[in-house]
């Protein structure tokens, strides 16, 4: 491509760049809306929820250790500080429960994609692969 061609056909070149960007966006959306894209998105949300549970568990352990340490020295610690730490522990436990519920929701989304988009012959294998050995504990499952 010469400079002369670029100066005479500048509109065609800029339209082709814009067209390429639009085509790439459309291909990306098609991939996201595909069965595989839906499953990967659900799995990504599940992994994020599991990592949040891990972070919240460490926060609960840290708060519990702080509360135990201050409770052991209760005679020399201000009562307001003990109440503050107890409140922090309760907040951390509540956030852990919320994060655990988010994991259950993400697991249900993965199950929904598997059940709705894949043949029944593959359901058990895919659940074992992507969800691991999840015991239901008598919890209801619905879509």
N, C-alpha and C. Protein backbone atom coordinates (compact mmCIF):
# COMPACT_ATOMS: atom_id res chain seq x y z
N UNK A 1 0.85 -1.15 0.00
CA UNK A 1 0.00 0.00 0.00
C UNK A 1 0.91 1.23 0.00
N UNK A 2 0.64 2.09 -0.93
CA UNK A 2 1.44 3.29 -1.05
C UNK A 2 0.72 4.44 -0.36
N UNK A 3 1.45 5.51 -0.19
CA UNK A 3 0.91 6.71 0.44
C UNK A 3 -0.16 7.34 -0.46
N UNK A 4 0.05 7.27 -1.74
CA UNK A 4 -0.91 7.83 -2.68
C UNK A 4 -2.25 7.09 -2.61
N UNK A 5 -2.21 5.76 -2.52
CA UNK A 5 -3.43 4.98 -2.39
C UNK A 5 -4.16 5.32 -1.10
N UNK A 6 -3.40 5.48 -0.01
CA UNK A 6 -4.00 5.80 1.29
C UNK A 6 -4.65 7.18 1.27
N UNK A 7 -4.05 8.15 0.58
CA UNK A 7 -4.63 9.49 0.55
C UNK A 7 -5.85 9.57 -0.34
N UNK A 8 -5.89 8.77 -1.40
CA UNK A 8 -7.06 8.82 -2.27
C UNK A 8 -8.22 7.98 -1.73
N UNK A 9 -7.93 6.92 -1.03
CA UNK A 9 -8.97 6.03 -0.53
C UNK A 9 -9.04 6.03 1.00
N UNK A 10 -8.88 7.18 1.61
CA UNK A 10 -8.86 7.28 3.07
C UNK A 10 -10.20 6.87 3.68
N UNK A 11 -11.29 7.17 3.04
CA UNK A 11 -12.60 6.81 3.58
C UNK A 11 -12.79 5.30 3.58
N UNK A 12 -12.34 4.65 2.52
CA UNK A 12 -12.43 3.19 2.45
C UNK A 12 -11.60 2.54 3.55
N UNK A 13 -10.40 3.05 3.79
CA UNK A 13 -9.53 2.50 4.83
C UNK A 13 -10.14 2.70 6.23
N UNK A 14 -10.66 3.89 6.49
CA UNK A 14 -11.25 4.13 7.81
C UNK A 14 -12.52 3.29 7.99
N UNK A 15 -13.31 3.11 6.95
CA UNK A 15 -14.50 2.28 7.05
C UNK A 15 -14.13 0.81 7.28
N UNK A 16 -13.04 0.36 6.67
CA UNK A 16 -12.63 -1.04 6.87
C UNK A 16 -12.15 -1.26 8.31
N UNK A 17 -11.48 -0.28 8.89
CA UNK A 17 -11.05 -0.39 10.29
C UNK A 17 -12.28 -0.43 11.20
N UNK A 18 -13.24 0.42 10.94
CA UNK A 18 -14.47 0.43 11.73
C UNK A 18 -15.25 -0.87 11.53
N UNK A 19 -15.31 -1.35 10.31
CA UNK A 19 -15.99 -2.61 10.03
C UNK A 19 -15.33 -3.78 10.71
N UNK A 20 -14.01 -3.78 10.77
CA UNK A 20 -13.27 -4.84 11.47
C UNK A 20 -13.59 -4.81 12.96
N UNK A 21 -13.66 -3.63 13.55
CA UNK A 21 -13.99 -3.52 14.97
C UNK A 21 -15.41 -4.04 15.24
N UNK A 22 -16.35 -3.68 14.39
CA UNK A 22 -17.73 -4.16 14.55
C UNK A 22 -17.79 -5.67 14.39
N UNK A 23 -17.09 -6.19 13.40
CA UNK A 23 -17.08 -7.64 13.17
C UNK A 23 -16.48 -8.38 14.37
N UNK A 24 -15.42 -7.86 14.95
CA UNK A 24 -14.81 -8.49 16.11
C UNK A 24 -15.77 -8.46 17.30
N UNK A 25 -16.48 -7.36 17.49
CA UNK A 25 -17.45 -7.27 18.58
C UNK A 25 -18.58 -8.28 18.39
N UNK A 26 -19.07 -8.40 17.17
CA UNK A 26 -20.14 -9.34 16.89
C UNK A 26 -19.67 -10.77 17.14
N UNK A 27 -18.47 -11.11 16.73
CA UNK A 27 -17.93 -12.45 16.96
C UNK A 27 -17.78 -12.72 18.46
N UNK A 28 -17.34 -11.72 19.21
CA UNK A 28 -17.19 -11.88 20.66
C UNK A 28 -18.55 -12.13 21.30
N UNK A 29 -19.59 -11.39 20.88
CA UNK A 29 -20.92 -11.59 21.43
C UNK A 29 -21.48 -12.96 21.06
N UNK A 30 -21.22 -13.41 19.85
CA UNK A 30 -21.67 -14.74 19.44
C UNK A 30 -21.01 -15.80 20.31
N UNK A 31 -19.71 -15.62 20.57
CA UNK A 31 -19.01 -16.60 21.42
C UNK A 31 -19.57 -16.58 22.84
N UNK A 32 -19.86 -15.39 23.39
CA UNK A 32 -20.41 -15.31 24.75
C UNK A 32 -21.79 -15.95 24.83
N UNK A 33 -22.58 -15.82 23.80
CA UNK A 33 -23.94 -16.37 23.80
C UNK A 33 -23.99 -17.84 23.43
N UNK A 34 -22.86 -18.41 23.03
CA UNK A 34 -22.85 -19.82 22.69
C UNK A 34 -22.96 -20.66 23.98
N UNK A 35 -23.21 -21.94 23.81
CA UNK A 35 -23.35 -22.83 24.96
C UNK A 35 -22.05 -22.85 25.77
N UNK A 36 -20.94 -22.98 25.08
CA UNK A 36 -19.66 -22.98 25.78
C UNK A 36 -19.39 -21.68 26.50
N UNK A 37 -19.73 -20.56 25.86
CA UNK A 37 -19.54 -19.26 26.48
C UNK A 37 -20.40 -19.10 27.73
N UNK A 38 -21.64 -19.59 27.66
CA UNK A 38 -22.51 -19.53 28.83
C UNK A 38 -21.94 -20.36 29.98
N UNK A 39 -21.46 -21.57 29.65
CA UNK A 39 -20.89 -22.42 30.69
C UNK A 39 -19.65 -21.81 31.29
N UNK A 40 -18.78 -21.27 30.46
CA UNK A 40 -17.57 -20.63 30.99
C UNK A 40 -17.89 -19.43 31.85
N UNK A 41 -18.87 -18.64 31.46
CA UNK A 41 -19.28 -17.49 32.27
C UNK A 41 -19.81 -17.93 33.63
N UNK A 42 -20.65 -18.97 33.62
CA UNK A 42 -21.19 -19.48 34.88
C UNK A 42 -20.08 -20.05 35.76
N UNK A 43 -19.13 -20.74 35.14
CA UNK A 43 -18.01 -21.29 35.91
C UNK A 43 -17.11 -20.19 36.47
N UNK A 44 -16.93 -19.13 35.70
CA UNK A 44 -16.11 -18.01 36.19
C UNK A 44 -16.78 -17.38 37.40
N UNK A 45 -18.09 -17.18 37.33
CA UNK A 45 -18.80 -16.61 38.48
C UNK A 45 -18.75 -17.54 39.68
N UNK A 46 -18.79 -18.85 39.44
CA UNK A 46 -18.68 -19.82 40.54
C UNK A 46 -17.31 -19.73 41.19
N UNK A 47 -16.26 -19.67 40.40
CA UNK A 47 -14.90 -19.59 40.96
C UNK A 47 -14.71 -18.29 41.74
N UNK A 48 -15.27 -17.19 41.24
CA UNK A 48 -15.18 -15.92 41.96
C UNK A 48 -15.91 -16.00 43.30
N UNK A 49 -17.07 -16.64 43.30
CA UNK A 49 -17.83 -16.79 44.55
C UNK A 49 -17.07 -17.67 45.53
N UNK A 50 -16.43 -18.73 45.03
CA UNK A 50 -15.65 -19.60 45.92
C UNK A 50 -14.45 -18.87 46.50
N UNK A 51 -13.81 -18.03 45.70
CA UNK A 51 -12.67 -17.28 46.24
C UNK A 51 -13.14 -16.25 47.27
N UNK A 52 -14.33 -15.69 47.06
CA UNK A 52 -14.89 -14.76 48.06
C UNK A 52 -15.18 -15.48 49.37
N UNK A 53 -15.67 -16.71 49.30
CA UNK A 53 -15.89 -17.50 50.52
C UNK A 53 -14.58 -17.72 51.23
N UNK A 54 -13.54 -18.03 50.48
CA UNK A 54 -12.23 -18.24 51.09
C UNK A 54 -11.75 -16.97 51.80
N UNK A 55 -11.92 -15.82 51.15
CA UNK A 55 -11.51 -14.55 51.78
C UNK A 55 -12.33 -14.29 53.04
N UNK A 56 -13.63 -14.56 52.98
CA UNK A 56 -14.48 -14.32 54.14
C UNK A 56 -14.15 -15.28 55.28
N UNK A 57 -13.80 -16.52 54.96
CA UNK A 57 -13.41 -17.47 56.00
C UNK A 57 -12.15 -17.00 56.71
N UNK A 58 -11.19 -16.47 55.96
CA UNK A 58 -9.99 -15.97 56.62
C UNK A 58 -10.31 -14.74 57.47
N UNK A 59 -11.26 -13.91 57.03
CA UNK A 59 -11.65 -12.75 57.83
C UNK A 59 -12.33 -13.19 59.12
N UNK A 60 -13.16 -14.24 59.05
CA UNK A 60 -13.82 -14.75 60.25
C UNK A 60 -12.78 -15.32 61.21
N UNK A 61 -11.83 -16.09 60.67
CA UNK A 61 -10.78 -16.65 61.54
C UNK A 61 -9.98 -15.55 62.22
N UNK A 62 -9.65 -14.52 61.46
CA UNK A 62 -8.89 -13.40 62.02
C UNK A 62 -9.70 -12.68 63.10
N UNK A 63 -10.97 -12.43 62.84
CA UNK A 63 -11.81 -11.75 63.83
C UNK A 63 -12.02 -12.62 65.07
N UNK A 64 -12.18 -13.92 64.86
CA UNK A 64 -12.36 -14.81 66.00
C UNK A 64 -11.11 -14.88 66.86
N UNK A 65 -9.95 -14.88 66.21
CA UNK A 65 -8.70 -14.90 66.96
C UNK A 65 -8.53 -13.61 67.76
N UNK A 66 -8.87 -12.50 67.16
CA UNK A 66 -8.78 -11.21 67.85
C UNK A 66 -9.74 -11.18 69.03
N UNK A 67 -10.96 -11.67 68.81
CA UNK A 67 -11.95 -11.68 69.90
C UNK A 67 -11.49 -12.59 71.03
N UNK A 68 -10.95 -13.74 70.71
CA UNK A 68 -10.47 -14.67 71.75
C UNK A 68 -9.31 -14.05 72.52
N UNK A 69 -8.41 -13.40 71.80
CA UNK A 69 -7.25 -12.80 72.46
C UNK A 69 -7.69 -11.68 73.41
N UNK A 70 -8.63 -10.85 72.95
CA UNK A 70 -9.10 -9.76 73.81
C UNK A 70 -9.96 -10.28 74.96
N UNK A 71 -10.70 -11.35 74.71
CA UNK A 71 -11.53 -11.93 75.77
C UNK A 71 -10.65 -12.52 76.87
N UNK A 72 -9.49 -13.05 76.48
CA UNK A 72 -8.57 -13.59 77.49
C UNK A 72 -8.02 -12.47 78.38
N UNK A 73 -7.91 -11.27 77.81
CA UNK A 73 -7.42 -10.14 78.58
C UNK A 73 -8.56 -9.18 78.91
N UNK A 74 -9.73 -9.71 79.19
CA UNK A 74 -10.92 -8.89 79.38
C UNK A 74 -10.79 -7.91 80.54
N UNK A 75 -10.01 -8.25 81.53
CA UNK A 75 -9.87 -7.37 82.70
C UNK A 75 -9.12 -6.09 82.36
N UNK A 76 -8.28 -6.12 81.34
CA UNK A 76 -7.47 -4.93 81.03
C UNK A 76 -7.87 -4.28 79.70
N UNK A 77 -9.00 -4.69 79.14
CA UNK A 77 -9.45 -4.13 77.86
C UNK A 77 -10.75 -3.37 78.09
N UNK A 78 -10.89 -2.24 77.38
CA UNK A 78 -12.11 -1.45 77.51
C UNK A 78 -13.31 -2.26 77.02
N UNK A 79 -14.42 -2.17 77.72
CA UNK A 79 -15.62 -2.90 77.29
C UNK A 79 -16.10 -2.49 75.89
N UNK A 80 -15.92 -1.22 75.56
CA UNK A 80 -16.34 -0.79 74.22
C UNK A 80 -15.51 -1.47 73.13
N UNK A 81 -14.24 -1.73 73.41
CA UNK A 81 -13.38 -2.43 72.45
C UNK A 81 -13.84 -3.89 72.29
N UNK A 82 -14.24 -4.52 73.40
CA UNK A 82 -14.75 -5.89 73.32
C UNK A 82 -16.03 -5.95 72.50
N UNK A 83 -16.92 -4.97 72.71
CA UNK A 83 -18.16 -4.94 71.94
C UNK A 83 -17.89 -4.69 70.46
N UNK A 84 -16.93 -3.83 70.20
CA UNK A 84 -16.57 -3.54 68.80
C UNK A 84 -16.05 -4.80 68.09
N UNK A 85 -15.19 -5.54 68.78
CA UNK A 85 -14.63 -6.76 68.19
C UNK A 85 -15.72 -7.83 68.02
N UNK A 86 -16.63 -7.91 68.98
CA UNK A 86 -17.74 -8.86 68.86
C UNK A 86 -18.63 -8.49 67.68
N UNK A 87 -18.87 -7.22 67.49
CA UNK A 87 -19.65 -6.76 66.33
C UNK A 87 -18.95 -7.05 65.02
N UNK A 88 -17.63 -6.87 65.01
CA UNK A 88 -16.85 -7.18 63.81
C UNK A 88 -16.93 -8.66 63.48
N UNK A 89 -16.88 -9.48 64.50
CA UNK A 89 -16.99 -10.93 64.30
C UNK A 89 -18.36 -11.29 63.75
N UNK A 90 -19.40 -10.70 64.28
CA UNK A 90 -20.76 -10.98 63.77
C UNK A 90 -20.90 -10.53 62.32
N UNK A 91 -20.33 -9.38 62.00
CA UNK A 91 -20.38 -8.89 60.62
C UNK A 91 -19.65 -9.84 59.67
N UNK A 92 -18.48 -10.31 60.10
CA UNK A 92 -17.70 -11.22 59.27
C UNK A 92 -18.45 -12.53 59.06
N UNK A 93 -19.11 -13.02 60.10
CA UNK A 93 -19.88 -14.26 59.96
C UNK A 93 -21.08 -14.06 59.03
N UNK A 94 -21.72 -12.89 59.10
CA UNK A 94 -22.84 -12.61 58.20
C UNK A 94 -22.38 -12.52 56.75
N UNK A 95 -21.23 -11.88 56.53
CA UNK A 95 -20.68 -11.79 55.18
C UNK A 95 -20.27 -13.16 54.65
N UNK A 96 -19.78 -14.02 55.54
CA UNK A 96 -19.44 -15.38 55.14
C UNK A 96 -20.69 -16.14 54.72
N UNK A 97 -21.77 -15.97 55.45
CA UNK A 97 -23.03 -16.64 55.08
C UNK A 97 -23.53 -16.15 53.73
N UNK A 98 -23.44 -14.86 53.49
CA UNK A 98 -23.86 -14.30 52.20
C UNK A 98 -23.00 -14.86 51.08
N UNK A 99 -21.69 -14.92 51.30
CA UNK A 99 -20.78 -15.45 50.28
C UNK A 99 -21.07 -16.93 50.01
N UNK A 100 -21.38 -17.69 51.06
CA UNK A 100 -21.71 -19.10 50.88
C UNK A 100 -23.01 -19.24 50.09
N UNK A 101 -23.96 -18.37 50.33
CA UNK A 101 -25.20 -18.39 49.55
C UNK A 101 -24.94 -18.05 48.08
N UNK A 102 -24.01 -17.14 47.84
CA UNK A 102 -23.66 -16.79 46.46
C UNK A 102 -23.03 -17.98 45.74
N UNK A 103 -22.27 -18.80 46.47
CA UNK A 103 -21.71 -20.01 45.87
C UNK A 103 -22.83 -20.96 45.47
N UNK A 104 -23.83 -21.12 46.34
CA UNK A 104 -24.97 -21.99 46.00
C UNK A 104 -25.70 -21.49 44.77
N UNK A 105 -25.87 -20.20 44.67
CA UNK A 105 -26.54 -19.62 43.51
C UNK A 105 -25.72 -19.86 42.25
N UNK A 106 -24.41 -19.66 42.32
CA UNK A 106 -23.54 -19.88 41.16
C UNK A 106 -23.54 -21.36 40.76
N UNK A 107 -23.57 -22.26 41.73
CA UNK A 107 -23.65 -23.68 41.40
C UNK A 107 -24.95 -24.00 40.69
N UNK A 108 -26.04 -23.39 41.13
CA UNK A 108 -27.32 -23.61 40.46
C UNK A 108 -27.30 -23.09 39.02
N UNK A 109 -26.59 -21.97 38.79
CA UNK A 109 -26.48 -21.44 37.43
C UNK A 109 -25.70 -22.41 36.54
N UNK A 110 -24.62 -22.98 37.08
CA UNK A 110 -23.85 -23.96 36.31
C UNK A 110 -24.72 -25.17 36.02
N UNK A 111 -25.46 -25.66 37.01
CA UNK A 111 -26.35 -26.79 36.79
C UNK A 111 -27.40 -26.49 35.73
N UNK A 112 -27.93 -25.28 35.79
CA UNK A 112 -28.96 -24.90 34.82
C UNK A 112 -28.40 -24.94 33.40
N UNK A 113 -27.20 -24.40 33.20
CA UNK A 113 -26.60 -24.42 31.86
C UNK A 113 -26.37 -25.86 31.43
N UNK A 114 -25.88 -26.70 32.33
CA UNK A 114 -25.62 -28.09 31.98
C UNK A 114 -26.92 -28.80 31.59
N UNK A 115 -27.96 -28.62 32.39
CA UNK A 115 -29.22 -29.33 32.15
C UNK A 115 -29.92 -28.82 30.89
N UNK A 116 -29.90 -27.51 30.68
CA UNK A 116 -30.65 -26.96 29.56
C UNK A 116 -29.92 -27.05 28.24
N UNK A 117 -28.61 -27.04 28.25
CA UNK A 117 -27.87 -26.91 27.00
C UNK A 117 -27.10 -28.15 26.56
N UNK A 118 -26.97 -29.13 27.40
CA UNK A 118 -26.20 -30.33 27.05
C UNK A 118 -27.10 -31.56 27.09
N UNK A 119 -26.76 -32.60 26.32
CA UNK A 119 -27.58 -33.81 26.32
C UNK A 119 -27.53 -34.53 27.67
N UNK A 120 -28.61 -35.22 28.03
CA UNK A 120 -28.68 -35.89 29.34
C UNK A 120 -27.55 -36.89 29.58
N UNK A 121 -27.04 -37.45 28.53
CA UNK A 121 -25.97 -38.43 28.66
C UNK A 121 -24.71 -37.82 29.30
N UNK A 122 -24.51 -36.53 29.12
CA UNK A 122 -23.31 -35.85 29.63
C UNK A 122 -23.51 -35.18 30.99
N UNK A 123 -24.74 -35.11 31.48
CA UNK A 123 -25.03 -34.33 32.69
C UNK A 123 -24.19 -34.76 33.89
N UNK A 124 -24.20 -36.03 34.20
CA UNK A 124 -23.50 -36.50 35.40
C UNK A 124 -22.00 -36.25 35.30
N UNK A 125 -21.43 -36.54 34.13
CA UNK A 125 -19.99 -36.34 33.94
C UNK A 125 -19.63 -34.85 34.07
N UNK A 126 -20.45 -33.98 33.51
CA UNK A 126 -20.15 -32.55 33.57
C UNK A 126 -20.35 -32.00 34.99
N UNK A 127 -21.37 -32.48 35.69
CA UNK A 127 -21.54 -32.03 37.08
C UNK A 127 -20.36 -32.44 37.93
N UNK A 128 -19.87 -33.67 37.74
CA UNK A 128 -18.71 -34.12 38.50
C UNK A 128 -17.47 -33.32 38.13
N UNK A 129 -17.34 -33.00 36.87
CA UNK A 129 -16.15 -32.27 36.41
C UNK A 129 -16.14 -30.81 36.90
N UNK A 130 -17.27 -30.13 36.75
CA UNK A 130 -17.29 -28.70 37.05
C UNK A 130 -17.72 -28.36 38.47
N UNK A 131 -18.51 -29.21 39.08
CA UNK A 131 -18.99 -28.92 40.43
C UNK A 131 -18.34 -29.78 41.49
N UNK A 132 -17.62 -30.81 41.08
CA UNK A 132 -17.02 -31.71 42.05
C UNK A 132 -18.10 -32.58 42.67
N UNK A 133 -17.75 -33.26 43.71
CA UNK A 133 -18.70 -34.11 44.42
C UNK A 133 -19.47 -33.24 45.39
N UNK A 134 -20.59 -32.72 44.95
CA UNK A 134 -21.42 -31.85 45.78
C UNK A 134 -22.52 -32.70 46.39
N UNK A 135 -22.49 -32.80 47.72
CA UNK A 135 -23.59 -33.53 48.38
C UNK A 135 -24.72 -32.54 48.62
N UNK A 136 -25.93 -32.96 48.32
CA UNK A 136 -27.07 -32.05 48.33
C UNK A 136 -27.53 -31.68 49.73
N UNK A 137 -27.28 -32.52 50.72
CA UNK A 137 -27.68 -32.24 52.10
C UNK A 137 -29.18 -31.99 52.19
N UNK A 138 -29.94 -32.57 51.29
CA UNK A 138 -31.37 -32.39 51.33
C UNK A 138 -31.86 -31.04 50.88
N UNK A 139 -30.99 -30.23 50.29
CA UNK A 139 -31.40 -28.92 49.82
C UNK A 139 -32.19 -29.05 48.53
N UNK A 140 -33.23 -28.28 48.37
CA UNK A 140 -34.00 -28.36 47.13
C UNK A 140 -33.21 -27.75 45.97
N UNK A 141 -33.51 -28.24 44.79
CA UNK A 141 -32.88 -27.70 43.60
C UNK A 141 -33.97 -27.40 42.59
N UNK A 142 -34.03 -26.17 42.14
CA UNK A 142 -35.03 -25.81 41.15
C UNK A 142 -34.42 -24.74 40.25
N UNK A 143 -35.05 -24.58 39.10
CA UNK A 143 -34.59 -23.56 38.16
C UNK A 143 -35.47 -22.35 38.26
